[in-house]
Protein backbone atom coordinates (compact mmCIF):
# COMPACT_ATOMS: atom_id res chain seq x y z
CA MET A 1 80.09 44.52 -77.14
CA THR A 2 77.98 46.42 -74.75
CA ALA A 3 79.04 48.83 -72.10
CA SER A 4 79.23 46.03 -69.56
CA GLY A 5 81.80 44.15 -71.58
CA LEU A 6 79.47 41.13 -72.34
CA SER A 7 78.19 40.14 -75.69
CA ARG A 8 74.48 40.01 -76.38
CA GLU A 9 74.53 36.16 -76.39
CA GLN A 10 76.27 36.02 -73.03
CA GLN A 11 73.74 38.43 -71.53
CA GLU A 12 70.85 36.23 -72.74
CA GLN A 13 72.35 33.09 -71.14
CA LEU A 14 72.84 34.97 -67.86
CA ARG A 15 69.21 36.16 -67.90
CA ARG A 16 67.94 32.60 -68.33
CA LYS A 17 69.98 31.27 -65.40
CA ARG A 18 68.70 34.10 -63.20
CA PHE A 19 65.13 33.26 -64.21
CA ASP A 20 65.60 29.55 -63.40
CA THR A 21 67.10 30.37 -60.04
CA LEU A 22 64.29 32.75 -59.15
CA HIS A 23 61.69 30.18 -60.23
CA LYS A 24 63.17 27.50 -57.96
CA HIS A 25 63.13 29.90 -55.06
CA VAL A 26 59.40 30.64 -55.50
CA VAL A 27 58.53 26.93 -55.52
CA ALA A 28 60.56 26.42 -52.36
CA GLN A 29 58.33 28.94 -50.51
CA HIS A 30 55.37 26.66 -51.06
CA LEU A 31 57.22 23.58 -49.83
CA ARG A 32 59.18 24.63 -46.77
CA ASN A 33 61.58 27.33 -45.68
CA GLY A 34 65.19 26.78 -46.65
CA PHE A 35 64.55 24.25 -49.42
CA GLN A 36 67.54 24.49 -51.80
CA GLY A 37 66.27 22.25 -54.59
CA ARG A 38 67.50 18.92 -53.08
CA TRP A 39 65.64 16.43 -50.74
CA THR A 40 66.99 15.84 -47.30
CA HIS A 41 66.82 12.58 -45.30
CA ARG A 42 63.67 13.90 -43.57
CA ASP A 43 61.98 14.48 -46.95
CA TRP A 44 62.72 10.91 -47.96
CA ALA A 45 61.37 9.57 -44.63
CA HIS A 46 58.10 11.49 -45.00
CA THR A 47 57.72 10.27 -48.55
CA SER A 48 58.17 6.65 -47.41
CA VAL A 49 55.44 7.00 -44.78
CA PHE A 50 52.96 8.48 -47.25
CA ALA A 51 53.75 5.79 -49.79
CA THR A 52 53.15 3.02 -47.23
CA MET A 53 49.77 4.51 -46.26
CA ALA A 54 48.73 4.78 -49.89
CA ALA A 55 49.60 1.10 -50.44
CA LEU A 56 47.48 0.07 -47.47
CA VAL A 57 44.50 2.05 -48.74
CA LEU A 58 44.82 0.49 -52.15
CA ALA A 59 44.88 -2.97 -50.54
CA ILE A 60 41.83 -2.36 -48.31
CA VAL A 61 39.47 -0.42 -50.57
CA PRO A 62 38.91 -3.21 -53.10
CA GLY A 63 37.59 -5.41 -50.29
CA LEU A 64 34.87 -2.95 -49.31
CA ASP A 65 32.56 -4.34 -51.94
CA ARG A 66 32.64 -7.69 -50.09
CA MET A 67 31.65 -6.45 -46.63
CA PRO A 68 29.14 -8.67 -44.60
CA GLY A 69 25.57 -8.03 -45.62
CA ASP A 70 26.20 -8.10 -49.33
CA LYS A 71 23.71 -10.46 -50.89
CA ALA A 72 26.15 -12.08 -53.27
CA ILE A 73 28.74 -12.81 -50.61
CA GLY A 74 26.05 -13.80 -48.04
CA GLN A 75 24.68 -16.38 -50.41
CA ALA A 76 28.15 -17.76 -50.96
CA GLN A 77 28.96 -18.06 -47.24
CA TYR A 78 25.60 -19.09 -45.72
CA ALA A 79 23.07 -21.70 -46.70
CA SER A 80 19.83 -22.77 -44.95
CA PHE A 81 18.35 -26.23 -45.12
CA ALA A 82 14.78 -27.35 -44.27
CA LEU A 83 15.28 -30.39 -42.07
CA PRO A 84 12.13 -32.39 -41.24
CA LEU A 85 11.34 -32.77 -37.51
CA PRO A 86 11.15 -36.31 -36.18
CA LYS A 87 7.60 -37.53 -35.69
CA LEU A 88 6.39 -38.47 -32.22
CA SER A 89 4.95 -41.89 -31.73
CA ALA A 90 1.57 -42.27 -30.03
CA ASN A 91 3.30 -43.21 -26.80
CA GLN A 92 5.69 -40.25 -26.71
CA SER A 93 4.97 -37.02 -24.78
CA VAL A 94 5.80 -33.45 -25.72
CA HIS A 95 6.23 -32.48 -22.06
CA ALA A 96 9.45 -31.89 -20.20
CA ASP A 97 9.84 -32.75 -16.53
CA GLY A 98 7.81 -30.65 -14.13
CA LYS A 99 4.24 -29.50 -13.57
CA VAL A 100 1.77 -28.14 -16.06
CA VAL A 101 -1.09 -26.15 -14.48
CA ILE A 102 -4.27 -25.56 -16.46
CA ARG A 103 -7.56 -23.95 -15.50
CA ARG A 104 -11.04 -24.92 -16.56
CA GLU A 105 -12.63 -22.14 -18.58
CA LYS A 106 -16.30 -21.32 -18.85
CA GLY A 107 -18.16 -23.84 -21.04
CA GLN A 108 -15.11 -26.07 -21.37
CA SER A 109 -15.55 -29.83 -21.14
CA VAL A 110 -13.03 -32.13 -19.45
CA ASP A 111 -12.02 -33.55 -22.84
CA GLN A 112 -11.34 -30.05 -24.14
CA LEU A 113 -9.37 -29.32 -20.98
CA LEU A 114 -7.19 -32.40 -21.51
CA GLU A 115 -6.66 -31.63 -25.18
CA GLN A 116 -4.47 -28.73 -24.11
CA LEU A 117 -1.98 -31.20 -22.62
CA GLN A 118 -1.40 -33.14 -25.87
CA LEU A 119 -1.12 -36.33 -23.84
CA SER A 120 0.40 -39.47 -25.27
CA ARG A 121 -1.77 -42.56 -25.68
CA ASN A 122 -0.28 -44.17 -22.57
CA ASP A 123 -0.86 -41.04 -20.45
CA ALA A 124 -4.46 -40.74 -21.64
CA ARG A 125 -4.98 -44.40 -20.81
CA ALA A 126 -3.58 -43.83 -17.29
CA LEU A 127 -6.11 -41.05 -16.65
CA ARG A 128 -9.00 -43.21 -17.81
CA ARG A 129 -7.82 -46.12 -15.65
CA PHE A 130 -8.41 -44.35 -12.32
CA ALA A 131 -12.08 -43.52 -11.72
CA GLU A 132 -11.34 -41.36 -8.65
CA VAL A 133 -9.13 -39.04 -10.70
CA ARG A 134 -11.72 -38.86 -13.50
CA ASP A 135 -14.42 -37.95 -10.98
CA ARG A 136 -12.23 -35.20 -9.57
CA LEU A 137 -11.64 -33.82 -13.05
CA ASN A 138 -15.36 -33.90 -13.82
CA ALA A 139 -16.05 -32.04 -10.55
CA LEU A 140 -13.85 -29.10 -11.54
CA ARG A 141 -15.80 -25.87 -11.74
CA THR A 142 -15.13 -22.86 -13.92
CA GLY A 143 -11.96 -21.17 -12.71
CA ASP A 144 -10.67 -24.23 -10.83
CA SER A 145 -7.10 -25.27 -11.61
CA VAL A 146 -5.41 -28.66 -11.72
CA ALA A 147 -1.72 -29.57 -12.04
CA PHE A 148 -0.28 -32.48 -14.04
CA GLU A 149 3.19 -33.70 -13.14
CA PHE A 150 5.51 -35.23 -15.72
CA VAL A 151 8.66 -37.26 -15.08
CA LYS A 152 10.87 -38.10 -18.09
CA GLY A 153 8.03 -37.03 -20.34
CA THR A 154 5.51 -39.40 -18.75
CA LEU A 155 2.47 -38.37 -16.67
CA ARG A 156 3.14 -39.42 -13.06
CA GLY A 157 0.56 -37.54 -11.03
CA VAL A 158 -2.30 -35.04 -10.75
CA THR A 159 -2.83 -32.53 -7.92
CA PHE A 160 -6.00 -30.65 -7.02
CA PRO A 161 -5.82 -27.49 -4.83
CA GLN A 162 -8.45 -27.50 -2.07
CA ALA A 163 -10.45 -24.60 -0.64
CA ASP A 164 -8.65 -24.78 2.74
CA GLY A 165 -5.27 -24.35 1.08
CA SER A 166 -4.31 -28.03 1.24
CA THR A 167 -3.52 -30.07 -1.87
CA LEU A 168 -4.98 -33.42 -2.89
CA ALA A 169 -2.23 -35.31 -4.72
CA TYR A 170 -2.57 -38.49 -6.83
CA ALA A 171 0.54 -40.38 -7.89
CA PHE A 172 0.52 -43.01 -10.67
CA ALA A 173 2.66 -46.08 -10.12
CA GLY A 174 1.89 -48.44 -12.97
CA LYS A 175 -1.62 -49.72 -12.41
CA THR A 176 -1.79 -48.50 -8.80
CA LEU A 177 -2.88 -45.11 -7.51
CA LYS A 178 -1.49 -43.40 -4.41
CA ARG A 179 -3.53 -40.68 -2.75
CA ASP A 180 -2.12 -38.08 -0.34
CA THR A 181 -3.32 -34.84 1.24
CA ILE A 182 -0.64 -32.20 1.65
CA ALA A 183 -1.45 -29.68 4.38
CA ALA A 184 -1.19 -25.99 3.58
CA ASP A 185 1.92 -24.14 4.67
CA VAL A 186 0.42 -21.60 7.05
CA ASP A 187 2.53 -18.77 8.42
CA ARG A 188 1.21 -16.17 10.87
CA ARG A 189 3.16 -12.98 11.46
CA LEU A 190 2.66 -10.04 13.78
CA VAL A 191 3.43 -6.85 11.88
CA VAL A 192 3.43 -3.16 12.81
CA LEU A 193 1.94 -0.74 10.29
CA SER A 194 3.10 2.73 11.19
CA GLY A 195 3.30 6.17 9.61
CA GLN A 196 2.75 9.91 9.82
CA VAL A 197 -0.79 11.31 9.71
CA GLY A 198 -0.01 13.80 6.92
CA ASP A 199 -2.98 15.37 5.16
CA SER A 200 -5.34 12.55 6.11
CA LEU A 201 -5.17 9.81 8.73
CA ILE A 202 -7.36 7.59 6.56
CA ASP A 203 -5.26 8.03 3.42
CA SER A 204 -2.01 7.53 5.32
CA ALA A 205 -3.34 4.41 7.05
CA HIS A 206 -4.39 3.00 3.66
CA GLU A 207 -0.91 3.66 2.30
CA GLN A 208 0.60 1.71 5.20
CA GLY A 209 -1.58 -1.33 4.43
CA LEU A 210 -4.54 -0.98 6.81
CA ASN A 211 -7.93 -1.92 5.36
CA ASP A 212 -11.20 -0.03 5.80
CA GLU A 213 -12.36 -2.10 8.78
CA GLN A 214 -9.06 -1.67 10.62
CA ILE A 215 -9.10 2.08 10.04
CA ARG A 216 -12.69 2.22 11.34
CA THR A 217 -11.47 0.41 14.46
CA LEU A 218 -8.83 3.08 15.03
CA THR A 219 -11.18 6.01 14.59
CA ASP A 220 -14.45 4.63 15.95
CA GLU A 221 -13.41 2.17 18.68
CA ILE A 222 -9.96 3.00 20.03
CA PHE A 223 -9.40 6.75 19.79
CA LYS A 224 -12.82 8.33 19.37
CA TYR A 225 -13.44 8.64 23.13
CA ASP A 226 -10.36 10.79 23.81
CA VAL A 227 -9.43 12.24 20.42
CA ASP A 228 -11.31 14.39 17.94
CA ILE A 229 -9.69 13.10 14.75
CA ASP A 230 -10.58 16.28 12.85
CA GLN A 231 -9.58 18.82 15.51
CA ASP A 232 -6.91 17.25 17.72
CA VAL A 233 -4.66 15.44 15.23
CA ALA A 234 -1.88 17.32 13.40
CA SER A 235 -0.17 16.30 10.18
CA THR A 236 3.08 15.60 12.06
CA ASP A 237 1.43 13.21 14.53
CA ARG A 238 2.09 9.49 14.13
CA PHE A 239 0.07 6.30 14.38
CA SER A 240 0.92 2.60 14.69
CA ALA A 241 -1.19 -0.54 14.51
CA VAL A 242 -0.28 -4.14 15.29
CA VAL A 243 -2.07 -6.76 13.19
CA GLU A 244 -1.57 -10.46 12.53
CA ARG A 245 -1.25 -11.50 8.91
CA THR A 246 -1.86 -15.08 7.80
CA PHE A 247 -0.02 -16.46 4.78
CA ARG A 248 -1.04 -19.73 3.16
CA ASN A 249 1.49 -21.28 0.81
CA GLY A 250 3.20 -17.90 0.66
CA GLU A 251 0.03 -15.98 -0.22
CA LEU A 252 -1.63 -13.45 2.11
CA VAL A 253 -5.09 -14.82 2.88
CA ASP A 254 -6.21 -13.06 6.06
CA THR A 255 -5.48 -10.11 8.34
CA SER A 256 -6.65 -9.93 11.92
CA PRO A 257 -8.45 -7.02 13.57
CA VAL A 258 -6.21 -4.36 15.11
CA LEU A 259 -4.52 -5.99 18.12
CA ALA A 260 -2.90 -2.81 19.45
CA ALA A 261 -2.57 0.79 18.32
CA THR A 262 -0.94 4.05 19.31
CA LEU A 263 -1.59 7.64 18.24
CA THR A 264 0.24 10.82 19.20
CA THR A 265 -1.51 14.15 19.53
CA GLY A 266 1.20 16.69 20.20
CA ASN A 267 3.11 15.41 23.25
CA THR A 268 0.37 13.01 24.37
CA LEU A 269 0.44 9.34 23.48
CA HIS A 270 -2.86 7.44 23.26
CA SER A 271 -2.82 3.66 23.09
CA GLY A 272 -5.30 0.80 22.98
CA TYR A 273 -5.00 -2.99 23.20
CA ARG A 274 -7.46 -5.65 22.12
CA PHE A 275 -8.32 -8.21 24.79
CA GLU A 276 -11.06 -10.84 25.07
CA GLN A 277 -12.99 -11.46 28.22
CA ASN A 278 -16.03 -13.68 28.53
CA GLY A 279 -15.85 -14.33 24.80
CA LYS A 280 -16.14 -10.64 23.90
CA ALA A 281 -13.29 -8.59 22.48
CA GLU A 282 -12.80 -5.03 23.74
CA TYR A 283 -10.06 -2.41 23.66
CA PHE A 284 -8.28 -1.34 26.83
CA THR A 285 -5.77 1.27 27.92
CA ALA A 286 -2.26 0.19 28.93
CA ASP A 287 -3.38 -0.17 32.56
CA GLY A 288 -6.28 -2.48 31.69
CA ARG A 289 -9.10 0.06 31.74
CA PRO A 290 -11.77 -0.25 29.01
CA LEU A 291 -11.46 2.42 26.32
CA LYS A 292 -15.16 2.45 25.63
CA LYS A 293 -16.78 5.23 27.57
CA GLU A 294 -20.39 6.05 28.16
CA PHE A 295 -20.29 8.81 25.53
CA ILE A 296 -18.34 9.24 22.32
CA ARG A 297 -16.60 12.55 21.80
CA THR A 298 -18.31 13.53 18.54
CA PRO A 299 -21.54 12.13 17.05
CA ILE A 300 -20.14 12.67 13.52
CA PRO A 301 -16.70 11.35 12.61
CA TYR A 302 -14.37 13.76 10.75
CA ALA A 303 -16.82 16.69 11.00
CA ARG A 304 -15.58 20.26 11.47
CA LEU A 305 -16.50 22.03 14.70
CA SER A 306 -18.04 25.22 13.31
CA SER A 307 -19.50 26.79 16.46
CA ARG A 308 -18.61 26.23 20.11
CA PHE A 309 -20.56 26.27 23.35
CA GLY A 310 -21.19 29.77 24.78
CA GLY A 311 -22.51 33.23 23.92
CA ARG A 312 -22.67 34.26 20.25
CA ARG A 313 -24.73 36.24 17.75
CA HIS A 314 -27.37 33.94 16.30
CA PRO A 315 -26.68 33.55 12.56
CA VAL A 316 -30.40 33.66 11.66
CA LEU A 317 -32.00 35.86 14.34
CA GLY A 318 -29.05 38.25 14.49
CA VAL A 319 -29.24 38.71 18.27
CA MET A 320 -26.81 37.78 21.04
CA ARG A 321 -27.90 34.61 22.79
CA MET A 322 -26.42 31.57 24.49
CA HIS A 323 -25.35 28.79 22.16
CA LYS A 324 -26.24 25.79 24.28
CA GLY A 325 -24.47 23.16 22.24
CA LEU A 326 -21.92 22.48 19.54
CA ASP A 327 -22.30 22.81 15.77
CA TYR A 328 -20.55 20.33 13.48
CA ALA A 329 -20.45 21.30 9.80
CA ALA A 330 -20.83 18.36 7.44
CA GLY A 331 -22.36 17.53 4.10
CA THR A 332 -26.08 16.87 3.80
CA GLY A 333 -26.79 13.20 4.40
CA THR A 334 -23.78 12.53 6.65
CA PRO A 335 -24.80 9.89 9.26
CA ILE A 336 -25.29 11.01 12.87
CA MET A 337 -24.61 8.51 15.67
CA ALA A 338 -26.07 8.17 19.14
CA ALA A 339 -23.46 9.43 21.61
CA GLY A 340 -24.23 6.61 24.06
CA ASP A 341 -26.62 3.81 24.90
CA ALA A 342 -30.04 5.37 25.38
CA ARG A 343 -33.80 5.31 25.03
CA VAL A 344 -35.37 7.47 22.31
CA VAL A 345 -37.43 10.29 23.90
CA SER A 346 -38.57 11.98 20.69
CA ALA A 347 -37.87 11.80 16.97
CA GLY A 348 -39.53 14.39 14.72
CA ARG A 349 -40.11 18.08 14.14
CA ASN A 350 -38.93 20.22 17.07
CA GLY A 351 -39.37 23.99 16.50
CA GLY A 352 -36.17 25.84 15.59
CA TYR A 353 -34.21 22.58 15.83
CA GLY A 354 -36.01 21.33 12.73
CA ASN A 355 -35.95 17.55 12.47
CA ALA A 356 -34.45 16.50 15.79
CA VAL A 357 -33.88 13.47 18.05
CA VAL A 358 -33.69 13.53 21.85
CA LEU A 359 -32.11 10.56 23.70
CA ASP A 360 -32.27 9.68 27.40
CA HIS A 361 -29.08 8.04 28.71
CA GLY A 362 -30.21 7.62 32.30
CA ARG A 363 -29.16 9.38 35.52
CA GLY A 364 -30.59 12.67 34.25
CA ILE A 365 -28.44 12.83 31.10
CA THR A 366 -30.05 13.63 27.74
CA THR A 367 -28.63 14.57 24.34
CA LEU A 368 -30.27 16.42 21.45
CA TYR A 369 -29.41 16.24 17.74
CA GLY A 370 -30.95 18.97 15.55
CA HIS A 371 -31.36 20.25 11.97
CA MET A 372 -31.42 16.75 10.46
CA SER A 373 -32.33 16.32 6.80
CA ARG A 374 -34.14 13.13 7.81
CA ILE A 375 -34.46 10.87 10.80
CA ALA A 376 -33.44 7.21 10.74
CA ARG A 377 -35.96 4.43 11.39
CA ILE A 378 -36.28 4.95 15.12
CA ARG A 379 -39.31 5.64 17.28
CA PRO A 380 -39.93 7.01 20.80
CA GLY A 381 -39.35 4.39 23.49
CA GLN A 382 -36.91 2.39 21.38
CA ARG A 383 -33.54 1.40 22.86
CA VAL A 384 -30.47 2.30 20.79
CA GLU A 385 -26.83 1.43 21.34
CA GLN A 386 -23.91 3.81 21.23
CA GLY A 387 -22.91 4.43 17.61
CA THR A 388 -26.35 3.64 16.17
CA VAL A 389 -27.22 5.91 13.24
CA ILE A 390 -30.22 7.99 14.36
CA GLY A 391 -30.40 10.52 11.53
CA TYR A 392 -28.59 12.43 8.80
CA VAL A 393 -27.11 15.93 8.58
CA GLY A 394 -29.35 18.61 7.08
CA SER A 395 -30.38 22.26 7.41
CA THR A 396 -33.95 22.13 8.69
CA GLY A 397 -35.25 24.66 11.27
CA LEU A 398 -33.33 27.86 12.02
CA SER A 399 -30.21 27.01 10.08
CA THR A 400 -28.02 28.72 7.49
CA GLY A 401 -26.43 25.56 6.12
CA PRO A 402 -26.07 21.80 6.64
CA HIS A 403 -24.71 20.95 10.09
CA LEU A 404 -25.51 19.09 13.29
CA HIS A 405 -26.50 20.98 16.43
CA TYR A 406 -25.53 18.75 19.39
CA GLU A 407 -26.58 19.41 23.00
CA PHE A 408 -25.63 17.64 26.25
CA ARG A 409 -27.90 18.16 29.28
CA VAL A 410 -27.53 17.04 32.88
CA ASN A 411 -30.78 17.24 34.86
CA GLY A 412 -32.04 19.76 32.31
CA VAL A 413 -28.94 21.99 32.51
CA HIS A 414 -26.94 22.45 29.33
CA ARG A 415 -23.27 21.45 29.61
CA ASN A 416 -20.38 21.77 27.17
CA PRO A 417 -20.01 18.31 25.58
CA LEU A 418 -16.26 18.87 25.10
CA THR A 419 -15.57 19.28 28.81
CA VAL A 420 -18.07 16.85 30.32
CA THR A 421 -16.74 13.31 30.68
CA LYS A 422 -17.98 10.40 32.69
CA ASN A 423 -16.01 8.54 35.31
CA ALA A 424 -13.64 6.08 33.68
CA PRO A 425 -14.91 2.48 33.55
CA ALA A 426 -13.57 0.05 36.14
CA PRO A 427 -10.30 -1.62 35.08
CA LEU A 428 -9.65 -5.34 34.81
CA GLN A 429 -8.92 -7.07 38.10
CA GLY A 430 -6.99 -10.05 39.40
CA ALA A 431 -6.09 -12.84 36.99
CA GLN A 432 -7.69 -11.03 34.05
CA LEU A 433 -5.50 -7.99 34.65
CA GLN A 434 -2.33 -10.09 34.88
CA SER A 435 -3.26 -11.92 31.68
CA PHE A 436 -3.93 -8.63 29.93
CA LEU A 437 -0.65 -7.03 31.08
CA ALA A 438 1.31 -10.01 29.78
CA TYR A 439 -0.51 -9.79 26.46
CA ALA A 440 -0.10 -6.00 26.20
CA ALA A 441 3.64 -6.24 26.89
CA GLY A 442 4.15 -8.27 23.71
CA SER A 443 2.17 -5.84 21.56
CA LEU A 444 3.90 -2.85 23.14
CA GLN A 445 7.30 -4.39 22.49
CA LYS A 446 6.34 -4.96 18.87
CA ILE A 447 5.30 -1.31 18.47
CA ARG A 448 8.41 -0.18 20.30
CA SER A 449 10.63 -1.97 17.78
CA VAL A 450 9.28 0.43 15.15
CA GLU A 451 8.75 3.51 17.31
CA ASP A 452 12.39 3.46 18.39
CA VAL A 453 13.18 4.56 14.87
CA ILE A 454 10.25 6.93 14.53
CA TYR A 455 10.73 8.86 17.75
CA VAL A 456 14.44 9.47 17.37
CA ASP A 457 14.01 12.93 18.86
CA LYS A 458 13.10 11.37 22.23
CA SER A 459 9.94 13.44 22.42
CA PRO A 460 7.67 13.28 25.49
CA ALA A 461 5.47 10.84 23.58
CA ALA A 462 8.45 8.54 23.05
CA ARG A 463 9.45 8.73 26.71
CA GLN A 464 5.88 7.96 27.72
CA LEU A 465 5.83 4.88 25.50
CA GLN A 466 9.15 3.71 26.95
CA GLN A 467 7.82 4.21 30.48
CA GLN A 468 4.75 2.12 29.65
CA LEU A 469 6.98 -0.70 28.46
CA GLN A 470 9.19 -0.56 31.55
CA ASP A 471 6.17 -0.49 33.86
CA THR A 472 4.60 -3.47 32.12
CA LYS A 473 7.80 -5.54 32.29
CA ALA A 474 8.21 -4.70 35.99
CA GLY A 475 4.63 -5.71 36.76
CA ARG A 476 3.63 -2.17 37.68
CA LYS A 477 0.54 -0.40 36.39
CA PRO A 478 1.74 1.41 33.23
CA THR A 479 1.69 5.19 33.08
CA VAL A 480 -1.12 6.31 30.76
CA ALA A 481 -1.79 9.44 28.76
CA SER A 482 -3.24 12.40 30.58
CA LYS A 483 -7.02 12.65 30.43
CA ALA A 484 -9.36 15.57 30.27
CA PRO A 485 -10.70 16.75 33.65
CA THR A 486 -13.38 14.44 34.96
CA ILE A 487 -16.68 16.05 35.91
CA LYS A 488 -18.82 13.85 38.05
CA VAL A 489 -22.44 13.79 37.03
CA ALA A 490 -24.96 13.53 39.83
CA SER A 491 -27.03 10.34 39.77
CA ARG A 492 -30.72 10.22 40.41
């Protein structure tokens, strides 16, 4: 016996029990706190869940080797068979109901053209039966189109588009042929093309749908007498143009000249309306006064005014002297136009002016155009109309660079071309005026339908346009844009 009162064998048994108990306690730390060596109801529930999930996995995984796309399974589930297509008889057509349009290509014969249709024997026989249709087919030129109409797979008609937009239609009814001409569906619409000037009036007008000729009308016929497009127009100014567009069978085929147009320069509204009298079309102000004046504002469109009328230091001579005209900077070769109808006084070398042209407009008025690179085909004594090209920009004579020197003289006295204007032309009278006012009211109303949105700020230009419309409707002479001071020129 030991001091504790236990035998050696009893002490060994006690040590083993303590070891087993301590070992169970260590394992319990890895499982969960408080585990006493027996499973609770929760432990059994968790075990059941995990067992169920394992069974599902074991049931699903074996089927993964038979997923769609596997060649072995695909071959077992799908099979393809080569079935022969039924053959068409000689009298059957491959065409469904409707029209087939083909075009004759370069070097293509009529037979080659018809081969594209894969006609049945009966359809080919129908085409050969009617000589008028064959002649029309033979008359097709390269690029011409023809339409074949099929009903229940059988050829029932042929149509030929005509140059005027109409359609020549042939209908087959057994051994008879019916011929009909279908008129073109023509639709004419008045439209307003409007926008902001931006960086360039020309570019902006192109973006709005105006063509080159219509833009030229705006700049060279309607506004050039009162507006310097390069100097007077700001990027925030606006323009509008009324044109008539013609649609034939839904396709745009023609656009009329500008019927009416407006342009703002600051708070001033300029407008012009096309009107025919005595078979000649001209542009008029809202009160029926011709826009065309005796002199255009600038002999070069879109040129930059580089030197004004008045005293200055001469760029070549270096001395102070009177600059008796205007200088317009432009590229060499830019066309120069006659400012008005005139007779050519001289065309050739003229001292410091270099190559120059002098025109006589009558009543003591002459104009001079200097420093030209070359002179157009004109000669002294020849009559030229306003806008005629008389020469091209250059740098001949006393000049430091390519530009036009333009002078305006009245009875030999130099005048500032920017401030000298002629008396306004006489307006329309009587029945012509009433006819014009009625016509202008429609165009003005069309513009107003767009400008109501554009001039939402009720600017002076917008109020002026509204006043013009009200005056026209009331039969009063419309209020027009303010003009530059008129300087009467003494007549001979």
